[in-house]
N, C-alpha and C. Protein backbone atom coordinates (compact mmCIF):
# COMPACT_ATOMS: atom_id res chain seq x y z
N ALA A 1 128.13 109.82 93.54
CA ALA A 1 127.09 109.08 94.56
C ALA A 1 125.84 110.54 94.93
N LYS A 2 126.17 112.04 94.74
CA LYS A 2 124.97 113.01 94.71
C LYS A 2 124.12 112.51 94.13
N PRO A 3 123.84 112.68 93.11
CA PRO A 3 122.54 112.01 92.64
C PRO A 3 121.83 111.06 93.56
N ALA A 4 122.75 109.77 93.24
CA ALA A 4 121.83 108.48 94.09
C ALA A 4 121.47 109.12 95.13
N LEU A 5 121.73 109.42 95.66
CA LEU A 5 121.59 110.20 97.35
C LEU A 5 120.60 111.19 97.36
N LEU A 6 120.25 112.03 96.70
CA LEU A 6 119.47 112.83 96.20
C LEU A 6 117.80 112.53 96.07
N LEU A 7 118.23 111.16 94.78
CA LEU A 7 117.14 110.53 94.51
C LEU A 7 116.26 109.60 95.83
N ARG A 8 117.34 109.07 96.76
CA ARG A 8 116.65 108.44 97.38
C ARG A 8 115.59 109.57 98.67
N ALA A 9 116.42 110.66 98.80
CA ALA A 9 115.78 111.56 99.41
C ALA A 9 114.42 111.84 98.57
N LEU A 10 114.49 112.41 97.79
CA LEU A 10 113.12 112.76 96.68
C LEU A 10 112.28 111.69 96.88
N GLY A 11 112.74 110.42 96.49
CA GLY A 11 111.46 109.64 97.24
C GLY A 11 110.71 109.50 98.61
N ALA A 12 111.49 109.76 99.13
CA ALA A 12 111.22 110.32 100.68
C ALA A 12 109.86 111.61 100.95
N VAL A 13 110.39 112.16 100.17
CA VAL A 13 109.45 113.36 99.70
C VAL A 13 108.40 113.63 99.03
N VAL A 14 108.49 113.21 98.02
CA VAL A 14 107.30 112.56 97.07
C VAL A 14 106.35 111.32 97.18
N GLY A 15 107.00 110.30 97.71
CA GLY A 15 106.84 108.85 97.67
C GLY A 15 107.44 108.22 96.98
N GLU A 16 107.00 106.70 97.26
CA GLU A 16 107.76 106.00 96.00
C GLU A 16 107.67 105.44 95.21
N ASP A 17 106.37 105.78 95.40
CA ASP A 17 105.36 105.02 93.58
C ASP A 17 105.62 106.29 92.91
N THR A 18 105.04 107.81 93.59
CA THR A 18 105.24 108.89 92.65
C THR A 18 106.91 109.11 92.10
N LEU A 19 107.39 108.70 92.66
CA LEU A 19 108.87 108.89 92.06
C LEU A 19 108.93 107.85 91.00
N ARG A 20 108.53 106.52 91.02
CA ARG A 20 108.87 105.80 90.16
C ARG A 20 107.81 105.48 88.89
N ALA A 21 106.75 106.34 88.91
CA ALA A 21 105.92 106.83 88.21
C ALA A 21 106.50 108.21 87.06
N ALA A 22 107.29 109.13 87.84
CA ALA A 22 108.35 110.05 87.46
C ALA A 22 108.87 109.42 86.46
N LEU A 23 109.89 108.87 87.28
CA LEU A 23 111.05 108.60 86.26
C LEU A 23 110.74 107.51 85.23
N ARG A 24 109.99 106.83 84.85
CA ARG A 24 109.06 106.68 83.81
C ARG A 24 108.50 107.11 83.01
N GLU A 25 107.54 108.44 83.47
CA GLU A 25 107.31 109.53 82.30
C GLU A 25 108.01 110.39 82.38
N TYR A 26 109.70 110.64 82.98
CA TYR A 26 110.93 111.17 82.26
C TYR A 26 111.08 110.37 81.13
N ALA A 27 111.63 109.04 81.50
CA ALA A 27 111.70 108.28 80.47
C ALA A 27 110.85 108.29 78.96
N ARG A 28 109.95 108.53 78.82
CA ARG A 28 109.45 108.32 77.51
C ARG A 28 108.81 109.39 76.75
N ARG A 29 108.89 110.56 78.21
CA ARG A 29 108.74 112.20 77.39
C ARG A 29 110.37 112.53 76.47
N TRP A 30 111.48 111.78 77.44
CA TRP A 30 112.77 112.64 76.23
C TRP A 30 113.21 111.07 76.06
N ARG A 31 112.97 110.03 75.96
CA ARG A 31 113.33 109.32 74.63
C ARG A 31 114.04 109.61 73.39
N PHE A 32 115.40 109.43 73.40
CA PHE A 32 115.99 109.44 72.24
C PHE A 32 115.95 111.12 71.88
N ARG A 33 115.68 112.19 73.22
CA ARG A 33 116.12 113.37 73.02
C ARG A 33 117.18 113.65 74.20
N HIS A 34 117.56 115.01 74.33
CA HIS A 34 118.57 115.49 74.73
C HIS A 34 118.49 116.35 76.38
N PRO A 35 117.93 116.07 77.25
CA PRO A 35 117.07 116.63 78.25
C PRO A 35 117.90 117.29 78.93
N MET A 36 117.36 118.73 79.68
CA MET A 36 118.49 118.79 80.72
C MET A 36 117.55 118.88 82.15
N ALA A 37 118.67 119.35 83.11
CA ALA A 37 118.16 119.21 84.51
C ALA A 37 116.80 119.59 84.43
N LEU A 38 116.31 120.94 84.24
CA LEU A 38 115.05 121.44 83.82
C LEU A 38 113.78 120.51 83.98
N ASP A 39 114.09 119.62 82.80
CA ASP A 39 113.62 118.51 82.04
C ASP A 39 113.17 117.89 83.09
N PHE A 40 113.89 117.17 83.88
CA PHE A 40 113.56 116.30 84.97
C PHE A 40 112.95 116.71 86.02
N PHE A 41 113.32 117.82 86.51
CA PHE A 41 112.44 118.60 87.50
C PHE A 41 111.07 118.61 87.13
N HIS A 42 111.42 119.63 86.03
CA HIS A 42 109.26 119.76 85.46
C HIS A 42 108.89 119.02 85.29
N THR A 43 109.40 116.83 85.04
CA THR A 43 108.92 115.96 84.42
C THR A 43 107.90 115.72 86.41
N VAL A 44 109.04 115.58 87.25
CA VAL A 44 109.06 115.10 88.28
C VAL A 44 107.67 115.91 89.01
N GLU A 45 107.98 117.65 89.10
CA GLU A 45 106.83 118.12 89.35
C GLU A 45 105.22 117.74 89.11
N SER A 46 105.88 117.55 87.41
CA SER A 46 103.49 117.41 86.75
C SER A 46 103.71 116.33 87.80
N VAL A 47 104.30 115.16 87.73
CA VAL A 47 103.60 113.99 88.27
C VAL A 47 103.38 113.78 89.24
N ALA A 48 103.61 114.48 90.25
CA ALA A 48 104.01 114.28 91.75
C ALA A 48 103.19 115.55 92.11
N GLY A 49 102.65 116.96 91.04
CA GLY A 49 101.34 117.70 91.57
C GLY A 49 101.84 118.49 92.43
N ARG A 50 103.54 118.91 92.55
CA ARG A 50 103.65 119.77 93.44
C ARG A 50 104.59 120.58 93.59
N ASP A 51 105.37 121.68 93.61
CA ASP A 51 106.40 122.36 93.16
C ASP A 51 107.20 122.22 93.92
N LEU A 52 108.35 122.05 93.83
CA LEU A 52 109.34 121.79 94.37
C LEU A 52 110.75 122.15 94.13
N ASP A 53 110.45 123.49 93.91
CA ASP A 53 111.78 124.24 93.82
C ASP A 53 112.34 124.61 95.08
N TRP A 54 111.87 124.41 96.26
CA TRP A 54 112.51 124.48 97.65
C TRP A 54 113.71 122.87 97.51
N PHE A 55 113.04 122.25 96.44
CA PHE A 55 114.08 121.21 97.39
C PHE A 55 115.26 120.96 95.49
N TRP A 56 114.97 121.41 94.47
CA TRP A 56 116.19 121.21 93.64
C TRP A 56 116.93 122.58 93.77
N HIS A 57 116.37 123.52 94.17
CA HIS A 57 117.60 124.83 94.08
C HIS A 57 119.04 124.58 95.32
N PRO A 58 118.55 124.30 96.54
CA PRO A 58 119.52 123.98 97.57
C PRO A 58 120.41 122.83 97.42
N TRP A 59 119.62 121.68 96.49
CA TRP A 59 120.36 120.44 96.29
C TRP A 59 121.24 120.24 94.99
N TRP A 60 121.07 120.92 93.90
CA TRP A 60 121.67 120.70 92.38
C TRP A 60 122.47 122.23 92.20
N TYR A 61 121.99 122.87 92.64
CA TYR A 61 122.54 124.50 91.80
C TYR A 61 123.51 125.33 93.33
N GLU A 62 123.38 124.90 94.26
CA GLU A 62 124.00 124.99 95.85
C GLU A 62 125.26 123.72 96.59
N THR A 63 125.42 124.32 96.79
CA THR A 63 125.99 123.42 98.03
C THR A 63 126.00 123.22 99.56
N ALA A 64 124.33 123.44 99.68
CA ALA A 64 123.85 123.89 101.12
C ALA A 64 123.90 122.52 101.68
N THR A 65 123.89 121.86 102.87
CA THR A 65 123.53 121.46 103.75
C THR A 65 122.14 121.15 104.67
N LEU A 66 122.18 119.92 104.81
CA LEU A 66 121.18 119.33 105.95
C LEU A 66 121.00 119.08 106.95
N ASP A 67 121.38 120.15 108.15
CA ASP A 67 121.25 119.18 109.42
C ASP A 67 120.24 119.53 110.59
N GLN A 68 119.37 118.53 110.42
CA GLN A 68 117.96 118.37 111.74
C GLN A 68 117.99 117.97 112.71
N ALA A 69 117.52 118.41 114.28
CA ALA A 69 118.56 118.42 115.42
C ALA A 69 116.99 118.37 116.26
N ILE A 70 117.17 116.56 117.28
CA ILE A 70 116.22 117.24 118.10
C ILE A 70 117.00 117.61 119.31
N VAL A 71 116.08 119.15 119.55
CA VAL A 71 116.72 120.28 121.15
C VAL A 71 115.86 119.78 122.22
N ASP A 72 114.98 119.15 122.09
CA ASP A 72 113.94 119.26 123.85
C ASP A 72 113.52 117.98 123.34
N VAL A 73 112.45 117.17 124.24
CA VAL A 73 112.14 116.25 124.03
C VAL A 73 110.39 116.25 125.49
N ALA A 74 109.77 116.77 125.60
CA ALA A 74 109.13 117.28 127.17
C ALA A 74 108.03 115.86 127.36
N VAL A 75 108.28 115.28 128.30
CA VAL A 75 106.57 113.87 128.37
C VAL A 75 106.48 114.41 129.34
N GLU A 76 104.62 114.16 129.05
CA GLU A 76 104.24 114.28 130.29
C GLU A 76 102.95 112.96 130.33
N PRO A 77 102.00 112.68 131.50
CA PRO A 77 100.77 111.90 131.10
C PRO A 77 99.82 112.30 130.78
N ALA A 78 99.21 111.47 129.80
CA ALA A 78 97.99 112.47 129.29
C ALA A 78 96.98 111.01 128.64
N GLY A 79 95.66 110.52 129.73
CA GLY A 79 94.76 109.82 129.42
C GLY A 79 95.86 108.48 130.02
N ALA A 80 95.31 107.95 129.16
CA ALA A 80 95.86 106.35 129.02
C ALA A 80 97.35 105.78 128.44
N GLY A 81 98.21 107.11 128.42
CA GLY A 81 99.42 107.60 127.29
C GLY A 81 100.27 108.61 128.02
N GLU A 82 100.86 109.32 127.18
CA GLU A 82 101.23 110.25 127.03
C GLU A 82 101.36 111.15 126.27
N ARG A 83 101.81 112.40 126.37
CA ARG A 83 101.91 113.69 125.82
C ARG A 83 103.80 113.86 125.16
N VAL A 84 103.99 113.71 124.16
CA VAL A 84 105.36 114.21 124.01
C VAL A 84 105.46 115.25 122.84
N ALA A 85 106.03 116.54 123.45
CA ALA A 85 106.60 117.38 122.88
C ALA A 85 107.97 117.51 122.54
N VAL A 86 108.05 117.25 121.14
CA VAL A 86 109.40 117.54 120.28
C VAL A 86 110.05 118.11 119.68
N VAL A 87 111.08 119.08 120.29
CA VAL A 87 111.34 120.16 119.79
C VAL A 87 112.94 120.01 118.50
N VAL A 88 111.88 120.20 117.14
CA VAL A 88 113.39 119.73 116.26
C VAL A 88 113.90 121.85 115.57
N GLU A 89 115.17 121.16 115.39
CA GLU A 89 115.76 122.71 114.60
C GLU A 89 116.43 122.76 113.21
N ASP A 90 116.46 123.13 112.33
CA ASP A 90 116.57 123.27 111.48
C ASP A 90 118.11 123.97 111.49
N GLN A 91 118.96 123.26 111.47
CA GLN A 91 120.68 123.77 111.88
C GLN A 91 121.78 124.34 110.32
N GLY A 92 120.80 123.20 108.83
CA GLY A 92 121.80 123.83 108.01
C GLY A 92 120.98 124.59 107.24
N GLU A 93 121.50 124.75 105.89
CA GLU A 93 120.81 125.91 105.07
C GLU A 93 119.95 125.14 103.83
N ALA A 94 119.91 123.89 103.72
CA ALA A 94 118.89 122.97 102.93
C ALA A 94 117.59 122.62 103.39
N PRO A 95 116.40 122.93 103.17
CA PRO A 95 115.12 122.51 104.06
C PRO A 95 114.32 121.67 103.71
N MET A 96 114.47 120.42 104.07
CA MET A 96 113.44 119.42 104.49
C MET A 96 112.32 119.14 105.30
N PRO A 97 111.54 117.89 105.05
CA PRO A 97 110.32 117.55 106.26
C PRO A 97 111.28 117.23 106.62
N VAL A 98 111.08 117.25 108.07
CA VAL A 98 111.19 116.36 109.35
C VAL A 98 109.97 114.86 109.07
N ARG A 99 110.79 114.26 109.28
CA ARG A 99 110.29 112.77 109.64
C ARG A 99 110.47 112.17 111.28
N LEU A 100 110.02 112.22 111.83
CA LEU A 100 109.65 112.51 113.25
C LEU A 100 108.74 110.40 113.50
N ALA A 101 109.89 109.45 113.91
CA ALA A 101 109.54 108.09 114.30
C ALA A 101 109.56 108.31 115.91
N ILE A 102 107.99 107.96 117.02
CA ILE A 102 108.15 108.30 118.35
C ILE A 102 107.81 106.21 118.76
N THR A 103 108.45 105.91 119.37
CA THR A 103 108.57 104.50 119.58
C THR A 103 108.10 104.44 120.86
N LEU A 104 107.43 103.86 120.93
CA LEU A 104 106.84 103.72 122.58
C LEU A 104 107.46 101.73 123.12
N ALA A 105 107.11 101.40 124.29
CA ALA A 105 107.98 100.90 125.03
C ALA A 105 107.29 99.60 124.87
N GLY A 106 105.96 99.50 124.19
CA GLY A 106 105.88 98.17 123.53
C GLY A 106 106.66 97.76 121.98
N GLY A 107 107.00 98.88 121.54
CA GLY A 107 107.91 98.56 120.08
C GLY A 107 107.23 98.97 119.11
N GLU A 108 105.69 99.63 119.55
CA GLU A 108 104.84 100.50 118.58
C GLU A 108 105.84 101.50 117.91
N THR A 109 104.96 102.07 117.04
CA THR A 109 106.45 103.69 116.21
C THR A 109 105.17 104.13 115.97
N ARG A 110 104.89 105.57 116.15
CA ARG A 110 103.97 106.38 115.45
C ARG A 110 104.65 107.30 114.71
N ARG A 111 104.22 107.67 113.77
CA ARG A 111 105.74 108.76 112.83
C ARG A 111 104.48 109.43 112.62
N VAL A 112 104.78 110.83 112.32
CA VAL A 112 104.73 112.24 111.67
C VAL A 112 105.85 113.35 111.09
N VAL A 113 105.15 113.43 110.51
CA VAL A 113 106.09 114.67 109.34
C VAL A 113 105.83 115.93 109.43
N VAL A 114 106.73 116.78 109.83
CA VAL A 114 106.33 117.92 109.83
C VAL A 114 107.02 118.72 108.50
N PRO A 115 105.89 119.37 107.76
CA PRO A 115 106.16 119.34 106.53
C PRO A 115 106.92 120.70 106.15
N VAL A 116 107.25 120.60 105.15
CA VAL A 116 108.95 121.52 104.84
C VAL A 116 108.54 123.22 105.13
N ASP A 117 107.10 122.91 104.56
CA ASP A 117 106.63 124.53 105.02
C ASP A 117 106.89 125.44 106.17
N VAL A 118 107.04 124.99 107.45
CA VAL A 118 107.10 125.25 108.32
C VAL A 118 109.09 126.31 108.34
N TRP A 119 110.01 125.73 107.25
CA TRP A 119 111.01 125.73 107.63
C TRP A 119 111.04 127.12 106.40
N LEU A 120 110.24 126.84 105.02
CA LEU A 120 110.11 127.75 104.10
C LEU A 120 109.46 129.06 104.89
N ARG A 121 108.72 129.09 105.60
CA ARG A 121 108.17 130.49 106.29
C ARG A 121 109.51 131.24 107.26
N GLY A 122 110.91 130.44 107.18
CA GLY A 122 111.89 131.38 108.20
C GLY A 122 111.73 130.48 109.28
N ALA A 123 110.94 130.05 109.67
CA ALA A 123 111.36 129.42 111.64
C ALA A 123 112.52 127.83 111.22
N ARG A 124 113.19 128.54 112.76
CA ARG A 124 114.41 127.86 112.75
C ARG A 124 113.96 126.45 113.76
N ARG A 125 113.06 127.07 114.44
CA ARG A 125 112.84 125.64 114.88
C ARG A 125 110.99 125.30 115.54
N HIS A 126 110.80 124.26 115.66
CA HIS A 126 109.60 123.61 115.66
C HIS A 126 109.47 122.97 116.74
N ARG A 127 107.94 123.58 117.52
CA ARG A 127 107.54 122.12 118.59
C ARG A 127 106.29 121.21 118.10
N GLU A 128 106.73 119.81 117.79
CA GLU A 128 105.59 119.14 117.86
C GLU A 128 104.95 118.42 118.53
N VAL A 129 103.43 118.63 118.97
CA VAL A 129 103.34 117.45 120.00
C VAL A 129 101.98 116.67 119.76
N LEU A 130 102.56 115.63 120.16
CA LEU A 130 101.64 114.09 120.08
C LEU A 130 101.02 113.57 121.08
N GLU A 131 99.75 112.88 121.61
CA GLU A 131 99.83 112.44 121.85
C GLU A 131 99.66 110.64 121.30
N VAL A 132 100.14 110.07 122.36
CA VAL A 132 100.27 108.69 122.19
C VAL A 132 99.60 107.69 123.17
N PRO A 133 99.57 106.59 122.97
CA PRO A 133 98.91 105.34 123.74
C PRO A 133 99.92 104.70 124.49
N GLY A 134 100.52 104.61 125.02
CA GLY A 134 101.87 103.95 126.04
C GLY A 134 103.06 105.30 126.58
N ARG A 135 104.00 104.41 127.07
CA ARG A 135 105.27 105.05 127.15
C ARG A 135 106.33 105.15 126.26
N VAL A 136 106.26 106.44 125.98
CA VAL A 136 107.49 107.40 125.19
C VAL A 136 109.26 106.31 125.32
N GLU A 137 109.61 105.90 124.74
CA GLU A 137 110.62 105.33 124.95
C GLU A 137 111.94 106.04 124.12
N ARG A 138 111.67 106.38 123.01
CA ARG A 138 113.04 106.99 121.83
C ARG A 138 112.03 107.67 121.04
N VAL A 139 112.62 109.22 120.55
CA VAL A 139 112.07 109.73 119.14
C VAL A 139 113.65 110.16 118.97
N ALA A 140 112.99 110.14 117.15
CA ALA A 140 114.32 110.25 116.15
C ALA A 140 113.50 110.62 114.97
N ILE A 141 114.63 111.58 114.81
CA ILE A 141 114.54 112.09 112.95
C ILE A 141 114.97 111.17 111.92
N ASP A 142 114.34 110.84 110.81
CA ASP A 142 114.69 110.07 110.03
C ASP A 142 115.53 108.77 110.28
N PRO A 143 114.81 107.89 111.05
CA PRO A 143 115.34 106.69 111.32
C PRO A 143 115.54 105.89 110.24
N GLU A 144 115.40 105.90 109.08
CA GLU A 144 115.98 105.30 107.88
C GLU A 144 117.09 105.92 107.30
N GLU A 145 117.05 106.92 108.07
CA GLU A 145 118.12 107.88 106.88
C GLU A 145 118.18 107.55 105.67
N ARG A 146 116.87 108.54 105.39
CA ARG A 146 116.71 108.73 103.44
C ARG A 146 117.29 109.93 103.54
N PHE A 147 117.59 110.43 104.52
CA PHE A 147 118.05 112.27 104.04
C PHE A 147 119.04 112.81 104.69
N PRO A 148 120.61 113.20 103.60
CA PRO A 148 121.86 113.16 104.28
C PRO A 148 121.85 114.39 104.86
N ASP A 149 121.69 114.49 106.09
CA ASP A 149 121.87 114.99 107.80
C ASP A 149 123.32 114.90 107.91
N ALA A 150 124.03 116.01 107.89
CA ALA A 150 125.56 116.42 107.93
C ALA A 150 125.63 115.76 109.15
N ASP A 151 124.41 116.04 110.08
CA ASP A 151 125.19 115.63 112.08
C ASP A 151 123.96 114.29 111.98
N PRO A 152 124.22 113.41 111.89
CA PRO A 152 123.11 112.22 112.37
C PRO A 152 122.98 111.86 114.28
N ARG A 153 124.16 112.74 115.17
CA ARG A 153 124.43 112.70 115.79
C ARG A 153 123.61 112.77 117.48
N ASP A 154 122.93 114.20 116.63
CA ASP A 154 121.33 114.87 117.51
C ASP A 154 120.35 114.29 116.95
N ASN A 155 119.68 113.65 116.29
CA ASN A 155 118.91 112.77 115.39
C ASN A 155 118.07 112.32 116.08
N VAL A 156 118.51 111.52 117.10
CA VAL A 156 117.95 110.57 118.57
C VAL A 156 117.68 110.83 119.89
N TRP A 157 116.42 111.20 120.22
CA TRP A 157 116.04 111.20 122.05
C TRP A 157 115.74 109.73 122.11
N ARG A 158 116.68 109.28 123.72
CA ARG A 158 115.88 108.55 124.32
C ARG A 158 115.91 108.22 125.82
N ARG A 159 114.47 107.75 126.11
CA ARG A 159 114.54 108.14 127.68
C ARG A 159 115.07 107.39 128.44
N GLY A 160 115.89 108.51 129.32
CA GLY A 160 116.94 107.61 130.31
C GLY A 160 116.44 106.80 131.61
N PRO A 161 116.83 106.54 132.83
CA PRO A 161 116.21 105.70 133.50
C PRO A 161 115.27 106.01 134.36
N GLY A 162 114.22 105.36 135.06
CA GLY A 162 113.49 106.48 135.28
C GLY A 162 112.47 107.22 135.01
């Protein structure tokens, strides 16, 4: 199950189209040969055009876990909408981008991705501020559950009554 889970996460990191192109290229390059894990990693990186060592190492060579959490949300009026400040924390050992979804009262969802570079620089907490054109009702980390978060119970904030 782990390879399937990680391919799903990899698709969220590089994009589904890029992952499909990388898988096709991997099959083309290594047809009738005996590839190793590094051959797959290098093929994906070459198609994606980016270094993914931060992804490969903890997920394939270690037993690191991912655990992202929303630790604080502050909402204040701003123009015709609201300004929302979301503090997320990296509580695990495996870095991943943070995929935030901010849902407004009318049902519209605004998405923002906190790049993995924040965690790679050594930070454990990050504050993301976003202005939205309505009342914030919900903030969630990775609502599609693309990443294998160890404790998803702390990935959602809901606005209370009043």
